[in-house]
Amino acid sequence: MTAREQPANAFLLGGPPHISKTERTRVVDNPSEVVKLRHGNQYEHFTPTGEQTEADEGTLLVFRWSGCTRVAE
């Protein structure tokens, strides 16, 4: 089963409002690591909270926005 076929297991909470619901609900391989979402010329960082939320996809781990960094050139 590829990552695209796996059911979502994480929800990214907070951060810039232009991040779509589709981008916020995703597959995370290691639930104890920070998730980095590339947006334009920066990465949005989401930290695991240990919390869970219910969604259409099922029970999802919650990752909360913790900041951003620029992409290295």
Protein backbone atom coordinates (compact mmCIF):
# COMPACT_ATOMS: atom_id res chain seq x y z
CA MET A 1 0.00 0.00 0.00
CA THR A 2 1.50 3.36 -0.98
CA ALA A 3 1.28 6.57 1.09
CA ARG A 4 -1.46 7.85 -1.23
CA GLU A 5 -3.54 4.72 -0.60
CA GLN A 6 -3.14 4.82 3.18
CA PRO A 7 -5.95 6.43 5.12
CA ALA A 8 -5.17 9.80 6.71
CA ASN A 9 -4.00 9.58 10.31
CA ALA A 10 -3.18 13.22 11.13
CA PHE A 11 -4.77 16.67 11.21
CA LEU A 12 -2.69 19.88 11.07
CA LEU A 13 -4.21 22.54 13.33
CA GLY A 14 -3.52 26.27 13.19
CA GLY A 15 -1.07 28.15 11.04
CA PRO A 16 -1.83 30.19 7.91
CA PRO A 17 -5.49 30.24 6.88
CA HIS A 18 -4.65 29.53 3.23
CA ILE A 19 -3.76 25.89 4.03
CA SER A 20 -6.69 23.87 2.70
CA LYS A 21 -8.56 21.13 4.56
CA THR A 22 -7.16 18.66 2.05
CA GLU A 23 -3.59 19.65 2.98
CA ARG A 24 -4.40 19.58 6.71
CA THR A 25 -5.63 15.97 6.67
CA ARG A 26 -2.75 13.71 5.76
CA VAL A 27 -0.72 10.55 6.32
CA VAL A 28 2.13 10.89 8.84
CA ASP A 29 4.64 8.05 9.02
CA ASN A 30 6.16 8.95 12.40
CA PRO A 31 3.62 10.51 14.78
CA SER A 32 6.33 11.68 17.19
CA GLU A 33 8.14 13.91 14.67
CA VAL A 34 7.43 17.47 13.53
CA VAL A 35 5.52 17.62 10.24
CA LYS A 36 6.88 20.11 7.70
CA LEU A 37 4.47 21.31 5.01
CA ARG A 38 6.03 23.24 2.13
CA HIS A 39 4.08 26.35 1.21
CA GLY A 40 5.63 28.69 -1.33
CA ASN A 41 9.14 29.58 -0.21
CA GLN A 42 8.77 28.32 3.36
CA TYR A 43 7.96 25.28 5.45
CA GLU A 44 5.12 25.38 7.96
CA HIS A 45 5.99 23.30 11.04
CA PHE A 46 3.41 21.31 13.01
CA THR A 47 4.30 19.67 16.33
CA PRO A 48 2.59 16.53 17.67
CA THR A 49 0.26 17.28 20.60
CA GLY A 50 -0.59 13.78 21.82
CA GLU A 51 -4.26 14.69 21.23
CA GLN A 52 -6.72 13.09 18.83
CA THR A 53 -9.77 14.39 16.98
CA GLU A 54 -12.65 12.71 15.19
CA ALA A 55 -13.14 13.47 11.49
CA ASP A 56 -14.83 11.94 8.45
CA GLU A 57 -11.63 9.95 7.93
CA GLY A 58 -11.78 8.50 11.46
CA THR A 59 -9.63 9.26 14.51
CA LEU A 60 -6.76 11.58 13.60
CA LEU A 61 -3.67 12.62 15.56
CA VAL A 62 -3.49 16.39 16.11
CA PHE A 63 -0.41 18.39 15.14
CA ARG A 64 -0.39 22.09 16.11
CA TRP A 65 1.34 24.81 14.10
CA SER A 66 4.59 25.87 15.77
CA GLY A 67 6.21 28.21 13.27
CA CYS A 68 7.82 28.37 9.87
CA THR A 69 11.24 28.45 8.24
CA ARG A 70 12.40 29.60 4.80
CA VAL A 71 13.45 27.11 2.17
CA ALA A 72 17.25 27.06 1.77
CA GLU A 73 18.45 28.21 -1.62
